[in-house]
Amino acid sequence: MGDCDNPSKKIVALCNLAREKHELAYIMFSDNLDYKFRENIFALIIESNFKKIDKETNKLAPLYRDMLAHYTSFGAASAIEVWVKNGMKEDPSKVVEFIINLIHHGTSSIT
């Protein structure tokens, strides 16, 4: 992921790696995997969106901003898990774009 400065690009790179090494992807989302592993990987999603979340929610108490950041990151992680478990057929950049769009604009952005 070396030259990826943008967190969204890092997530796309991670998804591309998952497609190339599909055994690793299935292990990543295995029920036997340590929960912390997922949390660390998808901290990228928090990083990707925290500036926007912080800017839009600057009137929220820090606890609620943190809750919102974690809520969106674990939702995104779950969406990527669905993509992995359904065979990773869709282009990773489209999957990440869909997730980021949901985070930024909510479900109204897809109707």
PDB file of N, CA and C in Angstrom:
ATOM      1  N   MET A   1       0.814  -1.184   0.000  1.00  0.00           N
ATOM      2  CA  MET A   1       0.000   0.000   0.000  1.00  0.00           C
ATOM      3  C   MET A   1       0.858   1.248   0.000  1.00  0.00           C
ATOM      4  N   GLY A   2       2.134   1.130  -0.120  1.00  0.00           N
ATOM      5  CA  GLY A   2       3.136   2.158   0.020  1.00  0.00           C
ATOM      6  C   GLY A   2       2.791   3.546  -0.431  1.00  0.00           C
ATOM      7  N   ASP A   3       2.423   3.735  -1.694  1.00  0.00           N
ATOM      8  CA  ASP A   3       2.253   5.092  -2.191  1.00  0.00           C
ATOM      9  C   ASP A   3       0.830   5.612  -2.031  1.00  0.00           C
ATOM     10  N   CYS A   4       0.009   4.945  -1.295  1.00  0.00           N
ATOM     11  CA  CYS A   4      -1.367   5.387  -1.096  1.00  0.00           C
ATOM     12  C   CYS A   4      -1.445   6.319   0.105  1.00  0.00           C
ATOM     13  N   ASP A   5      -1.506   7.616  -0.159  1.00  0.00           N
ATOM     14  CA  ASP A   5      -1.619   8.583   0.929  1.00  0.00           C
ATOM     15  C   ASP A   5      -3.070   8.750   1.370  1.00  0.00           C
ATOM     16  N   ASN A   6      -3.996   8.560   0.466  1.00  0.00           N
ATOM     17  CA  ASN A   6      -5.403   8.723   0.737  1.00  0.00           C
ATOM     18  C   ASN A   6      -5.949   7.455   1.400  1.00  0.00           C
ATOM     19  N   PRO A   7      -6.598   7.580   2.558  1.00  0.00           N
ATOM     20  CA  PRO A   7      -7.127   6.388   3.230  1.00  0.00           C
ATOM     21  C   PRO A   7      -8.084   5.578   2.361  1.00  0.00           C
ATOM     22  N   SER A   8      -8.904   6.242   1.532  1.00  0.00           N
ATOM     23  CA  SER A   8      -9.809   5.499   0.654  1.00  0.00           C
ATOM     24  C   SER A   8      -9.028   4.641  -0.324  1.00  0.00           C
ATOM     25  N   LYS A   9      -7.914   5.174  -0.819  1.00  0.00           N
ATOM     26  CA  LYS A   9      -7.062   4.394  -1.718  1.00  0.00           C
ATOM     27  C   LYS A   9      -6.445   3.213  -0.990  1.00  0.00           C
ATOM     28  N   LYS A  10      -6.148   3.391   0.297  1.00  0.00           N
ATOM     29  CA  LYS A  10      -5.615   2.282   1.093  1.00  0.00           C
ATOM     30  C   LYS A  10      -6.657   1.177   1.225  1.00  0.00           C
ATOM     31  N   ILE A  11      -7.902   1.571   1.408  1.00  0.00           N
ATOM     32  CA  ILE A  11      -8.969   0.578   1.523  1.00  0.00           C
ATOM     33  C   ILE A  11      -9.152  -0.150   0.202  1.00  0.00           C
ATOM     34  N   VAL A  12      -9.110   0.575  -0.916  1.00  0.00           N
ATOM     35  CA  VAL A  12      -9.191  -0.058  -2.236  1.00  0.00           C
ATOM     36  C   VAL A  12      -8.022  -1.021  -2.415  1.00  0.00           C
ATOM     37  N   ALA A  13      -6.815  -0.589  -2.025  1.00  0.00           N
ATOM     38  CA  ALA A  13      -5.640  -1.463  -2.132  1.00  0.00           C
ATOM     39  C   ALA A  13      -5.826  -2.715  -1.280  1.00  0.00           C
ATOM     40  N   LEU A  14      -6.386  -2.559  -0.099  1.00  0.00           N
ATOM     41  CA  LEU A  14      -6.650  -3.705   0.763  1.00  0.00           C
ATOM     42  C   LEU A  14      -7.659  -4.646   0.100  1.00  0.00           C
ATOM     43  N   CYS A  15      -8.695  -4.085  -0.504  1.00  0.00           N
ATOM     44  CA  CYS A  15      -9.685  -4.909  -1.207  1.00  0.00           C
ATOM     45  C   CYS A  15      -9.060  -5.617  -2.408  1.00  0.00           C
ATOM     46  N   ASN A  16      -8.194  -4.925  -3.137  1.00  0.00           N
ATOM     47  CA  ASN A  16      -7.501  -5.568  -4.260  1.00  0.00           C
ATOM     48  C   ASN A  16      -6.624  -6.715  -3.772  1.00  0.00           C
ATOM     49  N   LEU A  17      -5.954  -6.508  -2.655  1.00  0.00           N
ATOM     50  CA  LEU A  17      -5.148  -7.576  -2.068  1.00  0.00           C
ATOM     51  C   LEU A  17      -6.034  -8.756  -1.676  1.00  0.00           C
ATOM     52  N   ALA A  18      -7.195  -8.454  -1.117  1.00  0.00           N
ATOM     53  CA  ALA A  18      -8.140  -9.508  -0.746  1.00  0.00           C
ATOM     54  C   ALA A  18      -8.560 -10.323  -1.970  1.00  0.00           C
ATOM     55  N   ARG A  19      -8.756  -9.653  -3.098  1.00  0.00           N
ATOM     56  CA  ARG A  19      -9.127 -10.365  -4.336  1.00  0.00           C
ATOM     57  C   ARG A  19      -7.992 -11.264  -4.819  1.00  0.00           C
ATOM     58  N   GLU A  20      -6.769 -10.743  -4.713  1.00  0.00           N
ATOM     59  CA  GLU A  20      -5.608 -11.525  -5.152  1.00  0.00           C
ATOM     60  C   GLU A  20      -5.336 -12.701  -4.229  1.00  0.00           C
ATOM     61  N   LYS A  21      -5.524 -12.489  -2.963  1.00  0.00           N
ATOM     62  CA  LYS A  21      -5.240 -13.508  -1.943  1.00  0.00           C
ATOM     63  C   LYS A  21      -6.554 -13.853  -1.242  1.00  0.00           C
ATOM     64  N   HIS A  22      -7.485 -14.433  -2.005  1.00  0.00           N
ATOM     65  CA  HIS A  22      -8.821 -14.619  -1.467  1.00  0.00           C
ATOM     66  C   HIS A  22      -8.863 -15.495  -0.214  1.00  0.00           C
ATOM     67  N   GLU A  23      -7.906 -16.403  -0.067  1.00  0.00           N
ATOM     68  CA  GLU A  23      -7.867 -17.206   1.161  1.00  0.00           C
ATOM     69  C   GLU A  23      -7.661 -16.295   2.379  1.00  0.00           C
ATOM     70  N   LEU A  24      -6.782 -15.307   2.222  1.00  0.00           N
ATOM     71  CA  LEU A  24      -6.526 -14.343   3.294  1.00  0.00           C
ATOM     72  C   LEU A  24      -7.790 -13.553   3.617  1.00  0.00           C
ATOM     73  N   ALA A  25      -8.529 -13.165   2.588  1.00  0.00           N
ATOM     74  CA  ALA A  25      -9.747 -12.388   2.805  1.00  0.00           C
ATOM     75  C   ALA A  25     -10.759 -13.182   3.616  1.00  0.00           C
ATOM     76  N   TYR A  26     -10.903 -14.449   3.294  1.00  0.00           N
ATOM     77  CA  TYR A  26     -11.861 -15.265   4.036  1.00  0.00           C
ATOM     78  C   TYR A  26     -11.403 -15.468   5.479  1.00  0.00           C
ATOM     79  N   ILE A  27     -10.106 -15.583   5.680  1.00  0.00           N
ATOM     80  CA  ILE A  27      -9.570 -15.706   7.039  1.00  0.00           C
ATOM     81  C   ILE A  27      -9.802 -14.401   7.798  1.00  0.00           C
ATOM     82  N   MET A  28      -9.627 -13.269   7.105  1.00  0.00           N
ATOM     83  CA  MET A  28      -9.790 -11.960   7.714  1.00  0.00           C
ATOM     84  C   MET A  28     -11.175 -11.805   8.344  1.00  0.00           C
ATOM     85  N   PHE A  29     -12.176 -12.410   7.720  1.00  0.00           N
ATOM     86  CA  PHE A  29     -13.539 -12.281   8.207  1.00  0.00           C
ATOM     87  C   PHE A  29     -14.060 -13.567   8.837  1.00  0.00           C
ATOM     88  N   SER A  30     -13.160 -14.458   9.155  1.00  0.00           N
ATOM     89  CA  SER A  30     -13.528 -15.707   9.811  1.00  0.00           C
ATOM     90  C   SER A  30     -14.060 -15.433  11.211  1.00  0.00           C
ATOM     91  N   ASP A  31     -14.998 -16.261  11.646  1.00  0.00           N
ATOM     92  CA  ASP A  31     -15.514 -16.138  13.008  1.00  0.00           C
ATOM     93  C   ASP A  31     -14.447 -16.453  14.042  1.00  0.00           C
ATOM     94  N   ASN A  32     -13.389 -17.156  13.625  1.00  0.00           N
ATOM     95  CA  ASN A  32     -12.315 -17.525  14.546  1.00  0.00           C
ATOM     96  C   ASN A  32     -11.239 -16.455  14.667  1.00  0.00           C
ATOM     97  N   LEU A  33     -11.316 -15.415  13.853  1.00  0.00           N
ATOM     98  CA  LEU A  33     -10.284 -14.381  13.854  1.00  0.00           C
ATOM     99  C   LEU A  33     -10.457 -13.444  15.043  1.00  0.00           C
ATOM    100  N   ASP A  34      -9.357 -12.991  15.549  1.00  0.00           N
ATOM    101  CA  ASP A  34      -9.370 -12.033  16.648  1.00  0.00           C
ATOM    102  C   ASP A  34     -10.080 -10.755  16.193  1.00  0.00           C
ATOM    103  N   TYR A  35     -11.032 -10.329  16.970  1.00  0.00           N
ATOM    104  CA  TYR A  35     -11.835  -9.140  16.676  1.00  0.00           C
ATOM    105  C   TYR A  35     -10.965  -7.896  16.512  1.00  0.00           C
ATOM    106  N   LYS A  36      -9.870  -7.802  17.254  1.00  0.00           N
ATOM    107  CA  LYS A  36      -8.977  -6.645  17.190  1.00  0.00           C
ATOM    108  C   LYS A  36      -8.363  -6.474  15.804  1.00  0.00           C
ATOM    109  N   PHE A  37      -8.140  -7.573  15.101  1.00  0.00           N
ATOM    110  CA  PHE A  37      -7.556  -7.502  13.764  1.00  0.00           C
ATOM    111  C   PHE A  37      -8.455  -6.681  12.844  1.00  0.00           C
ATOM    112  N   ARG A  38      -9.738  -6.995  12.848  1.00  0.00           N
ATOM    113  CA  ARG A  38     -10.690  -6.228  12.042  1.00  0.00           C
ATOM    114  C   ARG A  38     -10.699  -4.764  12.475  1.00  0.00           C
ATOM    115  N   GLU A  39     -10.707  -4.544  13.767  1.00  0.00           N
ATOM    116  CA  GLU A  39     -10.756  -3.179  14.285  1.00  0.00           C
ATOM    117  C   GLU A  39      -9.558  -2.373  13.795  1.00  0.00           C
ATOM    118  N   ASN A  40      -8.379  -2.977  13.801  1.00  0.00           N
ATOM    119  CA  ASN A  40      -7.173  -2.269  13.357  1.00  0.00           C
ATOM    120  C   ASN A  40      -7.202  -1.985  11.870  1.00  0.00           C
ATOM    121  N   ILE A  41      -7.620  -2.955  11.077  1.00  0.00           N
ATOM    122  CA  ILE A  41      -7.664  -2.742   9.631  1.00  0.00           C
ATOM    123  C   ILE A  41      -8.652  -1.634   9.286  1.00  0.00           C
ATOM    124  N   PHE A  42      -9.801  -1.664   9.890  1.00  0.00           N
ATOM    125  CA  PHE A  42     -10.827  -0.707   9.504  1.00  0.00           C
ATOM    126  C   PHE A  42     -10.732   0.616  10.247  1.00  0.00           C
ATOM    127  N   ALA A  43      -9.666   0.763  11.026  1.00  0.00           N
ATOM    128  CA  ALA A  43      -9.329   2.091  11.552  1.00  0.00           C
ATOM    129  C   ALA A  43      -9.027   3.016  10.373  1.00  0.00           C
ATOM    130  N   LEU A  44      -8.642   2.424   9.228  1.00  0.00           N
ATOM    131  CA  LEU A  44      -8.434   3.213   8.008  1.00  0.00           C
ATOM    132  C   LEU A  44      -9.704   3.943   7.618  1.00  0.00           C
ATOM    133  N   ILE A  45     -10.837   3.296   7.823  1.00  0.00           N
ATOM    134  CA  ILE A  45     -12.101   3.919   7.449  1.00  0.00           C
ATOM    135  C   ILE A  45     -12.382   5.108   8.355  1.00  0.00           C
ATOM    136  N   ILE A  46     -12.077   4.953   9.626  1.00  0.00           N
ATOM    137  CA  ILE A  46     -12.228   6.081  10.544  1.00  0.00           C
ATOM    138  C   ILE A  46     -11.325   7.223  10.091  1.00  0.00           C
ATOM    139  N   GLU A  47     -10.066   6.883   9.782  1.00  0.00           N
ATOM    140  CA  GLU A  47      -9.105   7.895   9.322  1.00  0.00           C
ATOM    141  C   GLU A  47      -9.618   8.591   8.070  1.00  0.00           C
ATOM    142  N   SER A  48     -10.198   7.804   7.177  1.00  0.00           N
ATOM    143  CA  SER A  48     -10.689   8.326   5.911  1.00  0.00           C
ATOM    144  C   SER A  48     -11.800   9.340   6.097  1.00  0.00           C
ATOM    145  N   ASN A  49     -12.599   9.141   7.127  1.00  0.00           N
ATOM    146  CA  ASN A  49     -13.793   9.960   7.271  1.00  0.00           C
ATOM    147  C   ASN A  49     -13.809  10.852   8.493  1.00  0.00           C
ATOM    148  N   PHE A  50     -12.792  10.748   9.357  1.00  0.00           N
ATOM    149  CA  PHE A  50     -12.863  11.478  10.610  1.00  0.00           C
ATOM    150  C   PHE A  50     -12.851  12.982  10.402  1.00  0.00           C
ATOM    151  N   LYS A  51     -12.080  13.478   9.444  1.00  0.00           N
ATOM    152  CA  LYS A  51     -12.050  14.926   9.225  1.00  0.00           C
ATOM    153  C   LYS A  51     -13.436  15.437   8.855  1.00  0.00           C
ATOM    154  N   LYS A  52     -14.120  14.706   7.980  1.00  0.00           N
ATOM    155  CA  LYS A  52     -15.469  15.109   7.588  1.00  0.00           C
ATOM    156  C   LYS A  52     -16.421  14.972   8.767  1.00  0.00           C
ATOM    157  N   ILE A  53     -16.336  13.860   9.479  1.00  0.00           N
ATOM    158  CA  ILE A  53     -17.192  13.647  10.645  1.00  0.00           C
ATOM    159  C   ILE A  53     -16.945  14.748  11.672  1.00  0.00           C
ATOM    160  N   ASP A  54     -15.682  15.036  11.935  1.00  0.00           N
ATOM    161  CA  ASP A  54     -15.332  16.043  12.937  1.00  0.00           C
ATOM    162  C   ASP A  54     -15.839  17.422  12.520  1.00  0.00           C
ATOM    163  N   LYS A  55     -15.677  17.741  11.237  1.00  0.00           N
ATOM    164  CA  LYS A  55     -16.108  19.048  10.723  1.00  0.00           C
ATOM    165  C   LYS A  55     -17.625  19.190  10.832  1.00  0.00           C
ATOM    166  N   GLU A  56     -18.343  18.133  10.486  1.00  0.00           N
ATOM    167  CA  GLU A  56     -19.797  18.197  10.471  1.00  0.00           C
ATOM    168  C   GLU A  56     -20.405  18.046  11.860  1.00  0.00           C
ATOM    169  N   THR A  57     -19.661  17.502  12.776  1.00  0.00           N
ATOM    170  CA  THR A  57     -20.227  17.206  14.097  1.00  0.00           C
ATOM    171  C   THR A  57     -19.469  17.930  15.198  1.00  0.00           C
ATOM    172  N   ASN A  58     -18.900  19.086  14.881  1.00  0.00           N
ATOM    173  CA  ASN A  58     -18.057  19.766  15.864  1.00  0.00           C
ATOM    174  C   ASN A  58     -18.829  20.238  17.094  1.00  0.00           C
ATOM    175  N   LYS A  59     -20.156  20.176  17.049  1.00  0.00           N
ATOM    176  CA  LYS A  59     -20.943  20.536  18.223  1.00  0.00           C
ATOM    177  C   LYS A  59     -21.220  19.318  19.109  1.00  0.00           C
ATOM    178  N   LEU A  60     -20.856  18.155  18.619  1.00  0.00           N
ATOM    179  CA  LEU A  60     -21.035  16.937  19.416  1.00  0.00           C
ATOM    180  C   LEU A  60     -19.925  16.821  20.453  1.00  0.00           C
ATOM    181  N   ALA A  61     -20.258  16.239  21.557  1.00  0.00           N
ATOM    182  CA  ALA A  61     -19.250  15.938  22.574  1.00  0.00           C
ATOM    183  C   ALA A  61     -18.272  14.917  22.000  1.00  0.00           C
ATOM    184  N   PRO A  62     -17.025  14.934  22.439  1.00  0.00           N
ATOM    185  CA  PRO A  62     -16.024  13.984  21.921  1.00  0.00           C
ATOM    186  C   PRO A  62     -16.480  12.529  21.988  1.00  0.00           C
ATOM    187  N   LEU A  63     -17.177  12.151  23.038  1.00  0.00           N
ATOM    188  CA  LEU A  63     -17.666  10.774  23.144  1.00  0.00           C
ATOM    189  C   LEU A  63     -18.576  10.428  21.979  1.00  0.00           C
ATOM    190  N   TYR A  64     -19.485  11.332  21.625  1.00  0.00           N
ATOM    191  CA  TYR A  64     -20.423  11.058  20.541  1.00  0.00           C
ATOM    192  C   TYR A  64     -19.743  11.083  19.172  1.00  0.00           C
ATOM    193  N   ARG A  65     -18.756  11.951  19.004  1.00  0.00           N
ATOM    194  CA  ARG A  65     -17.989  11.929  17.748  1.00  0.00           C
ATOM    195  C   ARG A  65     -17.268  10.592  17.604  1.00  0.00           C
ATOM    196  N   ASP A  66     -16.682  10.110  18.705  1.00  0.00           N
ATOM    197  CA  ASP A  66     -15.985   8.826  18.687  1.00  0.00           C
ATOM    198  C   ASP A  66     -16.963   7.686  18.402  1.00  0.00           C
ATOM    199  N   MET A  67     -18.138   7.752  19.009  1.00  0.00           N
ATOM    200  CA  MET A  67     -19.154   6.730  18.768  1.00  0.00           C
ATOM    201  C   MET A  67     -19.566   6.724  17.297  1.00  0.00           C
ATOM    202  N   LEU A  68     -19.759   7.900  16.726  1.00  0.00           N
ATOM    203  CA  LEU A  68     -20.141   8.018  15.324  1.00  0.00           C
ATOM    204  C   LEU A  68     -19.049   7.465  14.413  1.00  0.00           C
ATOM    205  N   ALA A  69     -17.808   7.799  14.707  1.00  0.00           N
ATOM    206  CA  ALA A  69     -16.694   7.303  13.897  1.00  0.00           C
ATOM    207  C   ALA A  69     -16.633   5.777  13.943  1.00  0.00           C
ATOM    208  N   HIS A  70     -16.791   5.201  15.111  1.00  0.00           N
ATOM    209  CA  HIS A  70     -16.759   3.742  15.226  1.00  0.00           C
ATOM    210  C   HIS A  70     -17.978   3.100  14.568  1.00  0.00           C
ATOM    211  N   TYR A  71     -19.120   3.715  14.722  1.00  0.00           N
ATOM    212  CA  TYR A  71     -20.344   3.199  14.100  1.00  0.00           C
ATOM    213  C   TYR A  71     -20.171   3.103  12.585  1.00  0.00           C
ATOM    214  N   THR A  72     -19.678   4.188  11.981  1.00  0.00           N
ATOM    215  CA  THR A  72     -19.514   4.173  10.530  1.00  0.00           C
ATOM    216  C   THR A  72     -18.414   3.213  10.091  1.00  0.00           C
ATOM    217  N   SER A  73     -17.337   3.115  10.864  1.00  0.00           N
ATOM    218  CA  SER A  73     -16.244   2.237  10.442  1.00  0.00           C
ATOM    219  C   SER A  73     -16.652   0.765  10.519  1.00  0.00           C
ATOM    220  N   PHE A  74     -17.377   0.385  11.561  1.00  0.00           N
ATOM    221  CA  PHE A  74     -17.773  -1.014  11.660  1.00  0.00           C
ATOM    222  C   PHE A  74     -18.877  -1.349  10.669  1.00  0.00           C
ATOM    223  N   GLY A  75     -19.716  -0.382  10.334  1.00  0.00           N
ATOM    224  CA  GLY A  75     -20.688  -0.599   9.257  1.00  0.00           C
ATOM    225  C   GLY A  75     -19.977  -0.818   7.934  1.00  0.00           C
ATOM    226  N   ALA A  76     -18.948  -0.023   7.684  1.00  0.00           N
ATOM    227  CA  ALA A  76     -18.166  -0.177   6.457  1.00  0.00           C
ATOM    228  C   ALA A  76     -17.444  -1.522   6.450  1.00  0.00           C
ATOM    229  N   ALA A  77     -16.900  -1.902   7.588  1.00  0.00           N
ATOM    230  CA  ALA A  77     -16.219  -3.201   7.685  1.00  0.00           C
ATOM    231  C   ALA A  77     -17.191  -4.326   7.382  1.00  0.00           C
ATOM    232  N   SER A  78     -18.400  -4.209   7.881  1.00  0.00           N
ATOM    233  CA  SER A  78     -19.410  -5.240   7.621  1.00  0.00           C
ATOM    234  C   SER A  78     -19.784  -5.286   6.145  1.00  0.00           C
ATOM    235  N   ALA A  79     -19.853  -4.117   5.507  1.00  0.00           N
ATOM    236  CA  ALA A  79     -20.150  -4.075   4.074  1.00  0.00           C
ATOM    237  C   ALA A  79     -19.043  -4.763   3.277  1.00  0.00           C
ATOM    238  N   ILE A  80     -17.799  -4.524   3.649  1.00  0.00           N
ATOM    239  CA  ILE A  80     -16.681  -5.187   2.961  1.00  0.00           C
ATOM    240  C   ILE A  80     -16.718  -6.681   3.234  1.00  0.00           C
ATOM    241  N   GLU A  81     -17.097  -7.068   4.427  1.00  0.00           N
ATOM    242  CA  GLU A  81     -17.232  -8.490   4.746  1.00  0.00           C
ATOM    243  C   GLU A  81     -18.268  -9.150   3.839  1.00  0.00           C
ATOM    244  N   VAL A  82     -19.392  -8.488   3.608  1.00  0.00           N
ATOM    245  CA  VAL A  82     -20.420  -9.018   2.700  1.00  0.00           C
ATOM    246  C   VAL A  82     -19.837  -9.172   1.297  1.00  0.00           C
ATOM    247  N   TRP A  83     -19.086  -8.174   0.852  1.00  0.00           N
ATOM    248  CA  TRP A  83     -18.449  -8.229  -0.471  1.00  0.00           C
ATOM    249  C   TRP A  83     -17.515  -9.439  -0.554  1.00  0.00           C
ATOM    250  N   VAL A  84     -16.688  -9.642   0.477  1.00  0.00           N
ATOM    251  CA  VAL A  84     -15.757 -10.776   0.507  1.00  0.00           C
ATOM    252  C   VAL A  84     -16.523 -12.091   0.464  1.00  0.00           C
ATOM    253  N   LYS A  85     -17.523 -12.225   1.309  1.00  0.00           N
ATOM    254  CA  LYS A  85     -18.253 -13.486   1.420  1.00  0.00           C
ATOM    255  C   LYS A  85     -19.137 -13.771   0.208  1.00  0.00           C
ATOM    256  N   ASN A  86     -19.337 -12.764  -0.642  1.00  0.00           N
ATOM    257  CA  ASN A  86     -20.095 -12.963  -1.879  1.00  0.00           C
ATOM    258  C   ASN A  86     -19.197 -13.082  -3.101  1.00  0.00           C
ATOM    259  N   GLY A  87     -17.919 -13.361  -2.870  1.00  0.00           N
ATOM    260  CA  GLY A  87     -17.029 -13.689  -3.972  1.00  0.00           C
ATOM    261  C   GLY A  87     -16.201 -12.557  -4.540  1.00  0.00           C
ATOM    262  N   MET A  88     -16.324 -11.341  -4.025  1.00  0.00           N
ATOM    263  CA  MET A  88     -15.495 -10.204  -4.437  1.00  0.00           C
ATOM    264  C   MET A  88     -15.538  -9.951  -5.939  1.00  0.00           C
ATOM    265  N   LYS A  89     -16.704 -10.067  -6.542  1.00  0.00           N
ATOM    266  CA  LYS A  89     -16.840  -9.898  -7.989  1.00  0.00           C
ATOM    267  C   LYS A  89     -16.829  -8.423  -8.414  1.00  0.00           C
ATOM    268  N   GLU A  90     -17.372  -7.567  -7.554  1.00  0.00           N
ATOM    269  CA  GLU A  90     -17.445  -6.150  -7.886  1.00  0.00           C
ATOM    270  C   GLU A  90     -16.077  -5.498  -7.754  1.00  0.00           C
ATOM    271  N   ASP A  91     -15.857  -4.460  -8.542  1.00  0.00           N
ATOM    272  CA  ASP A  91     -14.607  -3.716  -8.509  1.00  0.00           C
ATOM    273  C   ASP A  91     -14.428  -3.076  -7.131  1.00  0.00           C
ATOM    274  N   PRO A  92     -13.274  -3.285  -6.478  1.00  0.00           N
ATOM    275  CA  PRO A  92     -13.053  -2.715  -5.146  1.00  0.00           C
ATOM    276  C   PRO A  92     -13.252  -1.205  -5.074  1.00  0.00           C
ATOM    277  N   SER A  93     -12.838  -0.485  -6.110  1.00  0.00           N
ATOM    278  CA  SER A  93     -12.998   0.970  -6.065  1.00  0.00           C
ATOM    279  C   SER A  93     -14.474   1.358  -6.050  1.00  0.00           C
ATOM    280  N   LYS A  94     -15.321   0.588  -6.718  1.00  0.00           N
ATOM    281  CA  LYS A  94     -16.766   0.852  -6.705  1.00  0.00           C
ATOM    282  C   LYS A  94     -17.359   0.525  -5.336  1.00  0.00           C
ATOM    283  N   VAL A  95     -16.877  -0.552  -4.719  1.00  0.00           N
ATOM    284  CA  VAL A  95     -17.350  -0.944  -3.390  1.00  0.00           C
ATOM    285  C   VAL A  95     -16.998   0.147  -2.382  1.00  0.00           C
ATOM    286  N   VAL A  96     -15.754   0.601  -2.405  1.00  0.00           N
ATOM    287  CA  VAL A  96     -15.312   1.636  -1.464  1.00  0.00           C
ATOM    288  C   VAL A  96     -16.048   2.942  -1.743  1.00  0.00           C
ATOM    289  N   GLU A  97     -16.230   3.281  -3.004  1.00  0.00           N
ATOM    290  CA  GLU A  97     -16.976   4.503  -3.355  1.00  0.00           C
ATOM    291  C   GLU A  97     -18.402   4.433  -2.791  1.00  0.00           C
ATOM    292  N   PHE A  98     -19.042   3.277  -2.910  1.00  0.00           N
ATOM    293  CA  PHE A  98     -20.391   3.073  -2.383  1.00  0.00           C
ATOM    294  C   PHE A  98     -20.405   3.284  -0.859  1.00  0.00           C
ATOM    295  N   ILE A  99     -19.429   2.673  -0.185  1.00  0.00           N
ATOM    296  CA  ILE A  99     -19.353   2.772   1.279  1.00  0.00           C
ATOM    297  C   ILE A  99     -19.094   4.210   1.717  1.00  0.00           C
ATOM    298  N   ILE A 100     -18.138   4.864   1.095  1.00  0.00           N
ATOM    299  CA  ILE A 100     -17.806   6.245   1.460  1.00  0.00           C
ATOM    300  C   ILE A 100     -19.002   7.158   1.192  1.00  0.00           C
ATOM    301  N   ASN A 101     -19.701   6.924   0.096  1.00  0.00           N
ATOM    302  CA  ASN A 101     -20.892   7.701  -0.224  1.00  0.00           C
ATOM    303  C   ASN A 101     -21.959   7.523   0.858  1.00  0.00           C
ATOM    304  N   LEU A 102     -22.147   6.292   1.315  1.00  0.00           N
ATOM    305  CA  LEU A 102     -23.094   6.033   2.407  1.00  0.00           C
ATOM    306  C   LEU A 102     -22.685   6.764   3.681  1.00  0.00           C
ATOM    307  N   ILE A 103     -21.399   6.719   3.992  1.00  0.00           N
ATOM    308  CA  ILE A 103     -20.908   7.376   5.207  1.00  0.00           C
ATOM    309  C   ILE A 103     -21.130   8.880   5.131  1.00  0.00           C
ATOM    310  N   HIS A 104     -20.841   9.449   3.980  1.00  0.00           N
ATOM    311  CA  HIS A 104     -20.923  10.903   3.844  1.00  0.00           C
ATOM    312  C   HIS A 104     -22.345  11.416   3.686  1.00  0.00           C
ATOM    313  N   HIS A 105     -23.213  10.604   3.033  1.00  0.00           N
ATOM    314  CA  HIS A 105     -24.537  11.119   2.666  1.00  0.00           C
ATOM    315  C   HIS A 105     -25.697  10.277   3.177  1.00  0.00           C
ATOM    316  N   GLY A 106     -25.427   9.176   3.825  1.00  0.00           N
ATOM    317  CA  GLY A 106     -26.489   8.332   4.359  1.00  0.00           C
ATOM    318  C   GLY A 106     -27.195   7.520   3.280  1.00  0.00           C
ATOM    319  N   THR A 107     -28.218   6.814   3.684  1.00  0.00           N
ATOM    320  CA  THR A 107     -28.916   5.927   2.758  1.00  0.00           C
ATOM    321  C   THR A 107     -29.707   6.682   1.700  1.00  0.00           C
ATOM    322  N   SER A 108     -30.001   7.951   1.945  1.00  0.00           N
ATOM    323  CA  SER A 108     -30.721   8.726   0.942  1.00  0.00           C
ATOM    324  C   SER A 108     -29.896   8.896  -0.324  1.00  0.00           C
ATOM    325  N   SER A 109     -28.590   8.691  -0.229  1.00  0.00           N
ATOM    326  CA  SER A 109     -27.718   8.852  -1.401  1.00  0.00           C
ATOM    327  C   SER A 109     -27.823   7.700  -2.382  1.00  0.00           C
ATOM    328  N   ILE A 110     -28.503   6.615  -1.993  1.00  0.00           N
ATOM    329  CA  ILE A 110     -28.578   5.463  -2.887  1.00  0.00           C
ATOM    330  C   ILE A 110     -29.977   5.191  -3.394  1.00  0.00           C
ATOM    331  N   THR A 111     -30.917   6.043  -3.034  1.00  0.00           N
ATOM    332  CA  THR A 111     -32.297   5.815  -3.462  1.00  0.00           C
ATOM    333  C   THR A 111     -32.638   6.621  -4.682  1.00  0.00           C
TER     334      THR A 111
END
